[in-house]
C-alpha atoms as a PDB file:
ATOM      1  CA  MET A   1       0.000   0.000   0.000  1.00  0.00           C
ATOM      2  CA  LYS A   2       2.834   2.399   0.840  1.00  0.00           C
ATOM      3  CA  ASN A   3       4.411   1.809  -2.588  1.00  0.00           C
ATOM      4  CA  THR A   4       1.061   2.659  -4.182  1.00  0.00           C
ATOM      5  CA  TYR A   5       0.955   6.001  -2.359  1.00  0.00           C
ATOM      6  CA  ILE A   6       4.506   6.809  -3.456  1.00  0.00           C
ATOM      7  CA  LYS A   7       3.669   6.042  -7.092  1.00  0.00           C
ATOM      8  CA  ILE A   8       0.539   8.234  -7.000  1.00  0.00           C
ATOM      9  CA  PHE A   9       2.363  11.201  -5.453  1.00  0.00           C
ATOM     10  CA  LEU A  10       5.275  10.775  -7.850  1.00  0.00           C
ATOM     11  CA  GLY A  11       2.869  10.677 -10.800  1.00  0.00           C
ATOM     12  CA  ALA A  12       1.097  13.807  -9.534  1.00  0.00           C
ATOM     13  CA  PHE A  13       4.427  15.616  -9.108  1.00  0.00           C
ATOM     14  CA  LEU A  14       5.595  14.713 -12.599  1.00  0.00           C
ATOM     15  CA  SER A  15       2.237  15.763 -14.031  1.00  0.00           C
ATOM     16  CA  VAL A  16       2.495  19.190 -12.400  1.00  0.00           C
ATOM     17  CA  ALA A  17       5.982  19.518 -13.849  1.00  0.00           C
ATOM     18  CA  ALA A  18       4.583  18.618 -17.263  1.00  0.00           C
ATOM     19  CA  MET A  19       1.847  21.228 -16.839  1.00  0.00           C
ATOM     20  CA  GLN A  20       4.437  23.914 -16.230  1.00  0.00           C
ATOM     21  CA  ALA A  21       6.520  22.802 -19.204  1.00  0.00           C
ATOM     22  CA  SER A  22       3.831  22.394 -21.862  1.00  0.00           C
ATOM     23  CA  GLY A  23       0.718  24.177 -20.646  1.00  0.00           C
ATOM     24  CA  GLN A  24      -1.083  27.105 -22.204  1.00  0.00           C
ATOM     25  CA  LYS A  25      -3.173  28.599 -19.402  1.00  0.00           C
ATOM     26  CA  THR A  26      -3.008  28.091 -15.645  1.00  0.00           C
ATOM     27  CA  ALA A  27      -5.584  28.635 -12.898  1.00  0.00           C
ATOM     28  CA  PHE A  28      -5.972  28.355  -9.168  1.00  0.00           C
ATOM     29  CA  THR A  29      -9.347  26.896  -8.197  1.00  0.00           C
ATOM     30  CA  PHE A  30     -11.411  26.927  -5.022  1.00  0.00           C
ATOM     31  CA  SER A  31     -14.277  24.554  -4.218  1.00  0.00           C
ATOM     32  CA  PHE A  32     -16.403  26.060  -1.469  1.00  0.00           C
ATOM     33  CA  PHE A  33     -18.865  23.163  -1.265  1.00  0.00           C
ATOM     34  CA  ASN A  34     -18.708  19.636  -2.652  1.00  0.00           C
ATOM     35  CA  MET A  35     -20.837  16.670  -1.663  1.00  0.00           C
ATOM     36  CA  GLY A  36     -19.519  13.119  -1.704  1.00  0.00           C
ATOM     37  CA  TYR A  37     -20.722   9.636  -0.915  1.00  0.00           C
ATOM     38  CA  TYR A  38     -17.906   7.352   0.163  1.00  0.00           C
ATOM     39  CA  VAL A  39     -19.372   5.830   3.353  1.00  0.00           C
ATOM     40  CA  ASN A  40     -22.770   4.146   3.713  1.00  0.00           C
ATOM     41  CA  THR A  41     -24.248   6.782   5.994  1.00  0.00           C
ATOM     42  CA  SER A  42     -25.763  10.263   5.766  1.00  0.00           C
ATOM     43  CA  PRO A  43     -24.117  12.251   2.926  1.00  0.00           C
ATOM     44  CA  LEU A  44     -24.443  15.409   5.024  1.00  0.00           C
ATOM     45  CA  THR A  45     -21.290  14.412   6.953  1.00  0.00           C
ATOM     46  CA  GLN A  46     -19.422  13.883   3.672  1.00  0.00           C
ATOM     47  CA  GLY A  47     -19.156  17.451   2.407  1.00  0.00           C
ATOM     48  CA  TYR A  48     -15.783  19.065   1.727  1.00  0.00           C
ATOM     49  CA  MET A  49     -14.048  22.104   0.285  1.00  0.00           C
ATOM     50  CA  GLY A  50     -10.712  22.392  -1.441  1.00  0.00           C
ATOM     51  CA  ILE A  51      -8.134  24.146  -3.573  1.00  0.00           C
ATOM     52  CA  GLY A  52      -6.535  23.107  -6.845  1.00  0.00           C
ATOM     53  CA  LEU A  53      -4.097  23.916  -9.611  1.00  0.00           C
ATOM     54  CA  GLU A  54      -5.321  23.440 -13.185  1.00  0.00           C
ATOM     55  CA  ARG A  55      -3.576  23.907 -16.504  1.00  0.00           C
ATOM     56  CA  ASN A  56      -4.560  23.515 -20.137  1.00  0.00           C
ATOM     57  CA  VAL A  57      -2.333  21.228 -22.200  1.00  0.00           C
ATOM     58  CA  GLY A  58      -2.657  21.286 -25.975  1.00  0.00           C
ATOM     59  CA  ASP A  59      -6.055  22.130 -27.453  1.00  0.00           C
ATOM     60  CA  TYR A  60      -8.416  19.676 -25.715  1.00  0.00           C
ATOM     61  CA  ILE A  61      -6.780  18.521 -22.457  1.00  0.00           C
ATOM     62  CA  ALA A  62      -6.505  20.033 -18.981  1.00  0.00           C
ATOM     63  CA  LEU A  63      -4.688  18.555 -15.970  1.00  0.00           C
ATOM     64  CA  LYS A  64      -5.697  19.299 -12.393  1.00  0.00           C
ATOM     65  CA  LEU A  65      -4.263  18.542  -8.962  1.00  0.00           C
ATOM     66  CA  GLU A  66      -6.726  19.097  -6.102  1.00  0.00           C
ATOM     67  CA  ILE A  67      -6.622  18.945  -2.304  1.00  0.00           C
ATOM     68  CA  ASN A  68      -9.901  18.698  -0.351  1.00  0.00           C
ATOM     69  CA  LYS A  69     -10.722  18.812   3.352  1.00  0.00           C
ATOM     70  CA  GLY A  70     -13.959  17.546   4.847  1.00  0.00           C
ATOM     71  CA  PHE A  71     -15.823  19.888   7.171  1.00  0.00           C
ATOM     72  CA  GLN A  72     -18.422  19.493   9.935  1.00  0.00           C
ATOM     73  CA  ILE A  73     -19.768  23.033   9.962  1.00  0.00           C
ATOM     74  CA  LEU A  74     -23.390  21.987   9.391  1.00  0.00           C
ATOM     75  CA  TYR A  75     -23.067  19.127  11.876  1.00  0.00           C
ATOM     76  CA  ASN A  76     -21.598  21.343  14.618  1.00  0.00           C
ATOM     77  CA  LEU A  77     -24.082  24.195  14.107  1.00  0.00           C
ATOM     78  CA  THR A  78     -27.041  21.835  14.536  1.00  0.00           C
ATOM     79  CA  ASP A  79     -25.531  19.506  17.168  1.00  0.00           C
ATOM     80  CA  GLY A  80     -25.831  16.649  14.699  1.00  0.00           C
ATOM     81  CA  LYS A  81     -29.524  17.184  13.927  1.00  0.00           C
ATOM     82  CA  ILE A  82     -28.743  18.030  10.285  1.00  0.00           C
ATOM     83  CA  LEU A  83     -28.164  14.299   9.739  1.00  0.00           C
ATOM     84  CA  GLY A  84     -31.875  13.594   9.932  1.00  0.00           C
ATOM     85  CA  ALA A  85     -32.505  15.728   6.837  1.00  0.00           C
ATOM     86  CA  ALA A  86     -31.099  12.994   4.579  1.00  0.00           C
ATOM     87  CA  GLY A  87     -32.091   9.913   6.523  1.00  0.00           C
ATOM     88  CA  SER A  88     -30.976   9.298  10.065  1.00  0.00           C
ATOM     89  CA  ASN A  89     -27.699   7.527  10.707  1.00  0.00           C
ATOM     90  CA  ASP A  90     -28.657   6.930  14.337  1.00  0.00           C
ATOM     91  CA  TYR A  91     -27.963   3.590  15.952  1.00  0.00           C
ATOM     92  CA  SER A  92     -29.188   2.260  19.284  1.00  0.00           C
ATOM     93  CA  GLN A  93     -28.033  -0.464  21.654  1.00  0.00           C
ATOM     94  CA  SER A  94     -29.758  -2.190  24.554  1.00  0.00           C
ATOM     95  CA  TYR A  95     -27.973  -3.627  27.592  1.00  0.00           C
ATOM     96  CA  TYR A  96     -28.673  -4.921  31.089  1.00  0.00           C
ATOM     97  CA  ASP A  97     -27.305  -2.777  33.929  1.00  0.00           C
ATOM     98  CA  THR A  98     -26.196  -5.159  36.684  1.00  0.00           C
ATOM     99  CA  VAL A  99     -26.039  -2.310  39.222  1.00  0.00           C
ATOM    100  CA  THR A 100     -29.604  -1.033  38.856  1.00  0.00           C
ATOM    101  CA  GLY A 101     -31.141  -4.274  37.590  1.00  0.00           C
ATOM    102  CA  TYR A 102     -32.811  -2.479  34.688  1.00  0.00           C
ATOM    103  CA  SER A 103     -32.483  -2.733  30.929  1.00  0.00           C
ATOM    104  CA  ASN A 104     -31.296   0.484  29.306  1.00  0.00           C
ATOM    105  CA  GLU A 105     -31.030   1.735  25.741  1.00  0.00           C
ATOM    106  CA  PHE A 106     -28.724   4.412  24.383  1.00  0.00           C
ATOM    107  CA  GLY A 107     -28.109   6.022  21.009  1.00  0.00           C
ATOM    108  CA  TYR A 108     -24.909   6.686  19.080  1.00  0.00           C
ATOM    109  CA  HIS A 109     -23.875   7.824  15.610  1.00  0.00           C
ATOM    110  CA  TRP A 110     -20.873   8.551  13.384  1.00  0.00           C
ATOM    111  CA  SER A 111     -19.649  11.477  11.325  1.00  0.00           C
ATOM    112  CA  VAL A 112     -17.150  10.846   8.531  1.00  0.00           C
ATOM    113  CA  PRO A 113     -15.230  13.898   7.216  1.00  0.00           C
ATOM    114  CA  CYS A 114     -12.303  13.185   4.895  1.00  0.00           C
ATOM    115  CA  PHE A 115      -8.988  14.489   3.590  1.00  0.00           C
ATOM    116  CA  ASP A 116      -8.552  13.974  -0.132  1.00  0.00           C
ATOM    117  CA  ILE A 117      -5.801  14.471  -2.731  1.00  0.00           C
ATOM    118  CA  ASN A 118      -6.758  13.734  -6.323  1.00  0.00           C
ATOM    119  CA  TYR A 119      -5.422  14.126  -9.829  1.00  0.00           C
ATOM    120  CA  GLN A 120      -7.688  14.620 -12.853  1.00  0.00           C
ATOM    121  CA  SER A 121      -7.188  14.572 -16.615  1.00  0.00           C
ATOM    122  CA  LYS A 122      -9.980  16.431 -18.453  1.00  0.00           C
ATOM    123  CA  PHE A 123     -10.992  16.155 -22.117  1.00  0.00           C
ATOM    124  CA  PHE A 124     -12.977  19.120 -23.513  1.00  0.00           C
ATOM    125  CA  PHE A 125     -15.327  18.330 -26.370  1.00  0.00           C
ATOM    126  CA  ARG A 126     -15.214  21.870 -27.814  1.00  0.00           C
ATOM    127  CA  GLY A 127     -11.603  22.633 -26.920  1.00  0.00           C
ATOM    128  CA  ASN A 128     -10.116  23.840 -23.637  1.00  0.00           C
ATOM    129  CA  ASP A 129     -10.076  27.495 -24.753  1.00  0.00           C
ATOM    130  CA  LYS A 130     -13.889  27.683 -24.817  1.00  0.00           C
ATOM    131  CA  THR A 131     -16.686  27.446 -22.279  1.00  0.00           C
ATOM    132  CA  GLY A 132     -18.133  23.977 -22.601  1.00  0.00           C
ATOM    133  CA  PRO A 133     -18.565  20.376 -21.410  1.00  0.00           C
ATOM    134  CA  TYR A 134     -15.812  17.944 -20.506  1.00  0.00           C
ATOM    135  CA  MET A 135     -15.208  14.398 -19.301  1.00  0.00           C
ATOM    136  CA  SER A 136     -12.440  13.545 -16.847  1.00  0.00           C
ATOM    137  CA  MET A 137     -10.736  10.551 -15.292  1.00  0.00           C
ATOM    138  CA  GLY A 138      -9.289  10.871 -11.815  1.00  0.00           C
ATOM    139  CA  ILE A 139      -7.390   8.949  -9.151  1.00  0.00           C
ATOM    140  CA  GLY A 140      -6.683   9.987  -5.585  1.00  0.00           C
ATOM    141  CA  ILE A 141      -6.035   9.109  -1.968  1.00  0.00           C
ATOM    142  CA  ARG A 142      -8.846   9.688   0.522  1.00  0.00           C
ATOM    143  CA  SER A 143      -8.405   9.402   4.287  1.00  0.00           C
ATOM    144  CA  VAL A 144     -11.807   9.077   5.976  1.00  0.00           C
ATOM    145  CA  LYS A 145     -12.005  10.127   9.625  1.00  0.00           C
ATOM    146  CA  TYR A 146     -14.553   7.997  11.523  1.00  0.00           C
ATOM    147  CA  ILE A 147     -15.705  10.022  14.541  1.00  0.00           C
ATOM    148  CA  PHE A 148     -17.775   8.219  17.186  1.00  0.00           C
ATOM    149  CA  HIS A 149     -20.532  10.250  18.901  1.00  0.00           C
ATOM    150  CA  VAL A 150     -22.357   9.007  21.985  1.00  0.00           C
ATOM    151  CA  GLY A 151     -26.011  10.041  22.092  1.00  0.00           C
ATOM    152  CA  SER A 152     -28.760  10.287  19.513  1.00  0.00           C
ATOM    153  CA  VAL A 153     -29.064  13.227  17.123  1.00  0.00           C
ATOM    154  CA  ASP A 154     -32.765  13.502  17.978  1.00  0.00           C
ATOM    155  CA  ASP A 155     -32.200  13.440  21.783  1.00  0.00           C
ATOM    156  CA  TYR A 156     -34.550  10.487  22.132  1.00  0.00           C
ATOM    157  CA  TYR A 157     -32.119   8.528  24.273  1.00  0.00           C
ATOM    158  CA  SER A 158     -30.874   9.836  27.607  1.00  0.00           C
ATOM    159  CA  ASP A 159     -27.116  10.328  28.024  1.00  0.00           C
ATOM    160  CA  GLU A 160     -27.523   8.879  31.509  1.00  0.00           C
ATOM    161  CA  ASP A 161     -28.149   5.473  29.918  1.00  0.00           C
ATOM    162  CA  VAL A 162     -24.748   5.376  28.177  1.00  0.00           C
ATOM    163  CA  PRO A 163     -22.273   2.932  29.767  1.00  0.00           C
ATOM    164  CA  HIS A 164     -19.256   4.587  31.356  1.00  0.00           C
ATOM    165  CA  ASP A 165     -16.648   2.965  29.093  1.00  0.00           C
ATOM    166  CA  LEU A 166     -18.497   4.256  26.008  1.00  0.00           C
ATOM    167  CA  GLU A 167     -18.868   7.749  27.473  1.00  0.00           C
ATOM    168  CA  LYS A 168     -15.074   7.893  27.476  1.00  0.00           C
ATOM    169  CA  LYS A 169     -15.116   6.999  23.770  1.00  0.00           C
ATOM    170  CA  ASP A 170     -17.207  10.042  22.782  1.00  0.00           C
ATOM    171  CA  GLY A 171     -15.184  11.829  20.107  1.00  0.00           C
ATOM    172  CA  TYR A 172     -12.931   8.832  19.476  1.00  0.00           C
ATOM    173  CA  PHE A 173     -11.800   8.524  15.848  1.00  0.00           C
ATOM    174  CA  GLU A 174      -9.906   6.297  13.447  1.00  0.00           C
ATOM    175  CA  LYS A 175      -8.737   7.057   9.907  1.00  0.00           C
ATOM    176  CA  LEU A 176      -9.438   4.608   7.080  1.00  0.00           C
ATOM    177  CA  THR A 177      -7.798   5.165   3.690  1.00  0.00           C
ATOM    178  CA  VAL A 178      -9.179   4.323   0.244  1.00  0.00           C
ATOM    179  CA  ILE A 179      -8.069   5.049  -3.319  1.00  0.00           C
ATOM    180  CA  PRO A 180     -10.972   6.462  -5.356  1.00  0.00           C
ATOM    181  CA  LEU A 181     -11.103   6.094  -9.142  1.00  0.00           C
ATOM    182  CA  ILE A 182     -13.650   8.603 -10.468  1.00  0.00           C
ATOM    183  CA  LEU A 183     -15.164   9.370 -13.863  1.00  0.00           C
ATOM    184  CA  ARG A 184     -16.568  12.904 -14.015  1.00  0.00           C
ATOM    185  CA  VAL A 185     -18.692  14.892 -16.432  1.00  0.00           C
ATOM    186  CA  GLY A 186     -18.911  18.634 -16.124  1.00  0.00           C
ATOM    187  CA  ALA A 187     -18.787  22.064 -17.685  1.00  0.00           C
ATOM    188  CA  ARG A 188     -16.103  24.685 -17.233  1.00  0.00           C
ATOM    189  CA  GLY A 189     -15.792  28.283 -18.269  1.00  0.00           C
ATOM    190  CA  ASN A 190     -12.988  29.702 -20.362  1.00  0.00           C
ATOM    191  CA  MET A 191      -9.872  29.821 -18.190  1.00  0.00           C
ATOM    192  CA  GLU A 192      -9.405  33.537 -18.726  1.00  0.00           C
ATOM    193  CA  GLY A 193      -9.863  35.499 -15.532  1.00  0.00           C
ATOM    194  CA  PHE A 194     -12.704  34.346 -13.257  1.00  0.00           C
ATOM    195  CA  PHE A 195     -14.589  31.170 -14.290  1.00  0.00           C
ATOM    196  CA  PRO A 196     -16.930  28.488 -12.801  1.00  0.00           C
ATOM    197  CA  ASP A 197     -16.697  24.692 -12.978  1.00  0.00           C
ATOM    198  CA  PHE A 198     -19.623  22.332 -12.298  1.00  0.00           C
ATOM    199  CA  SER A 199     -19.125  18.565 -12.161  1.00  0.00           C
ATOM    200  CA  PHE A 200     -20.693  15.248 -11.211  1.00  0.00           C
ATOM    201  CA  GLY A 201     -18.782  12.004 -10.854  1.00  0.00           C
ATOM    202  CA  ILE A 202     -19.171   8.333 -10.099  1.00  0.00           C
ATOM    203  CA  GLY A 203     -16.484   5.774  -9.431  1.00  0.00           C
ATOM    204  CA  TYR A 204     -15.048   3.038  -7.269  1.00  0.00           C
ATOM    205  CA  ASN A 205     -13.115   2.984  -3.991  1.00  0.00           C
ATOM    206  CA  ILE A 206     -10.142   0.612  -4.099  1.00  0.00           C
ATOM    207  CA  SER A 207      -9.396  -1.057  -0.719  1.00  0.00           C
ATOM    208  CA  HIS A 208     -12.792  -0.183   0.774  1.00  0.00           C
ATOM    209  CA  ASN A 209     -13.047  -3.452   2.738  1.00  0.00           C
ATOM    210  CA  LYS A 210     -11.880  -1.913   6.023  1.00  0.00           C
ATOM    211  CA  THR A 211     -13.537  -1.101   9.325  1.00  0.00           C
ATOM    212  CA  VAL A 212     -12.865   0.560  12.681  1.00  0.00           C
ATOM    213  CA  GLU A 213     -10.631  -1.606  14.865  1.00  0.00           C
ATOM    214  CA  ASP A 214     -11.351  -0.278  18.349  1.00  0.00           C
ATOM    215  CA  LYS A 215     -12.184  -3.350  20.451  1.00  0.00           C
ATOM    216  CA  THR A 216     -14.456  -1.574  22.949  1.00  0.00           C
ATOM    217  CA  ILE A 217     -16.684  -0.330  20.132  1.00  0.00           C
ATOM    218  CA  THR A 218     -16.618  -3.336  17.810  1.00  0.00           C
ATOM    219  CA  LYS A 219     -16.047  -6.302  20.139  1.00  0.00           C
ATOM    220  CA  THR A 220     -17.082  -5.509  23.715  1.00  0.00           C
ATOM    221  CA  TRP A 221     -20.278  -3.680  22.717  1.00  0.00           C
ATOM    222  CA  ASP A 222     -20.623  -4.952  19.128  1.00  0.00           C
ATOM    223  CA  LEU A 223     -21.721  -1.523  17.900  1.00  0.00           C
ATOM    224  CA  SER A 224     -22.574  -0.882  14.258  1.00  0.00           C
ATOM    225  CA  VAL A 225     -20.023   0.911  12.092  1.00  0.00           C
ATOM    226  CA  PRO A 226     -21.068   2.340   8.678  1.00  0.00           C
ATOM    227  CA  GLU A 227     -19.109   0.622   5.911  1.00  0.00           C
ATOM    228  CA  LEU A 228     -16.833   2.290   3.421  1.00  0.00           C
ATOM    229  CA  SER A 229     -18.671   2.261   0.122  1.00  0.00           C
ATOM    230  CA  GLY A 230     -17.294   0.615  -3.000  1.00  0.00           C
ATOM    231  CA  LEU A 231     -19.395   3.084  -4.988  1.00  0.00           C
ATOM    232  CA  THR A 232     -18.150   6.675  -5.015  1.00  0.00           C
ATOM    233  CA  ILE A 233     -20.365   9.630  -5.914  1.00  0.00           C
ATOM    234  CA  VAL A 234     -19.197  13.243  -5.954  1.00  0.00           C
ATOM    235  CA  ALA A 235     -20.784  16.494  -7.065  1.00  0.00           C
ATOM    236  CA  GLY A 236     -19.461  19.978  -6.711  1.00  0.00           C
ATOM    237  CA  ILE A 237     -19.082  23.584  -7.715  1.00  0.00           C
ATOM    238  CA  SER A 238     -15.741  25.326  -7.943  1.00  0.00           C
ATOM    239  CA  PHE A 239     -14.456  28.676  -9.154  1.00  0.00           C
ATOM    240  CA  GLY A 240     -11.094  29.552 -10.592  1.00  0.00           C
ATOM    241  CA  ILE A 241      -8.893  32.476 -11.456  1.00  0.00           C
ATOM    242  CA  GLY A 242      -6.859  31.885 -14.618  1.00  0.00           C
ATOM    243  CA  TRP A 243      -4.185  33.685 -16.511  1.00  0.00           C
END
């Protein structure tokens, strides 16, 4: 796996060098809001923003290197309640409290922001010097941060019912890494001055058969963990400044 990462970064570095050597126009891009689906849970914890460097090569090709960072702004502002807007990702667990002699039930959920580096090669049907549609192929490295949250997003379950060893796990996280291959279709403006770029993509996550390894969460309490998805879906809006 480490050799794969080295090859991807080396390829990205050489591609940027090629952009500088043979490109026509260059642009810095900024994506203020993108939505992804790389984990089988609410897509509202899978939004991200990013920056990129894009350059036209020849008459029909553009190369782009992009870095994205997942955010939890909407999640934090609503104390997790935003998750219910796209289908709840709440889980619940029942257990017998030997101290009180009662059965209790508590809720928990996950948020899954990511860090993503990807490289794209775009083909423009009308030429890269015009506003118009394109198709792109991309490969990247995506590190998904699994954050464990004790308590339900709808406050149905009382925090007093959460076992002590799981209370200590509130905010615990692990990072799981996948390699997304993505085919995109989109439309970009002429890379002269300020321009927009709209895209939608679908692809596949290599090495998605992973899960959280914390024994208290997965073994002792046998809690549910949303799976990394083999299917990748992304959609976004970005803006660039070219010269």
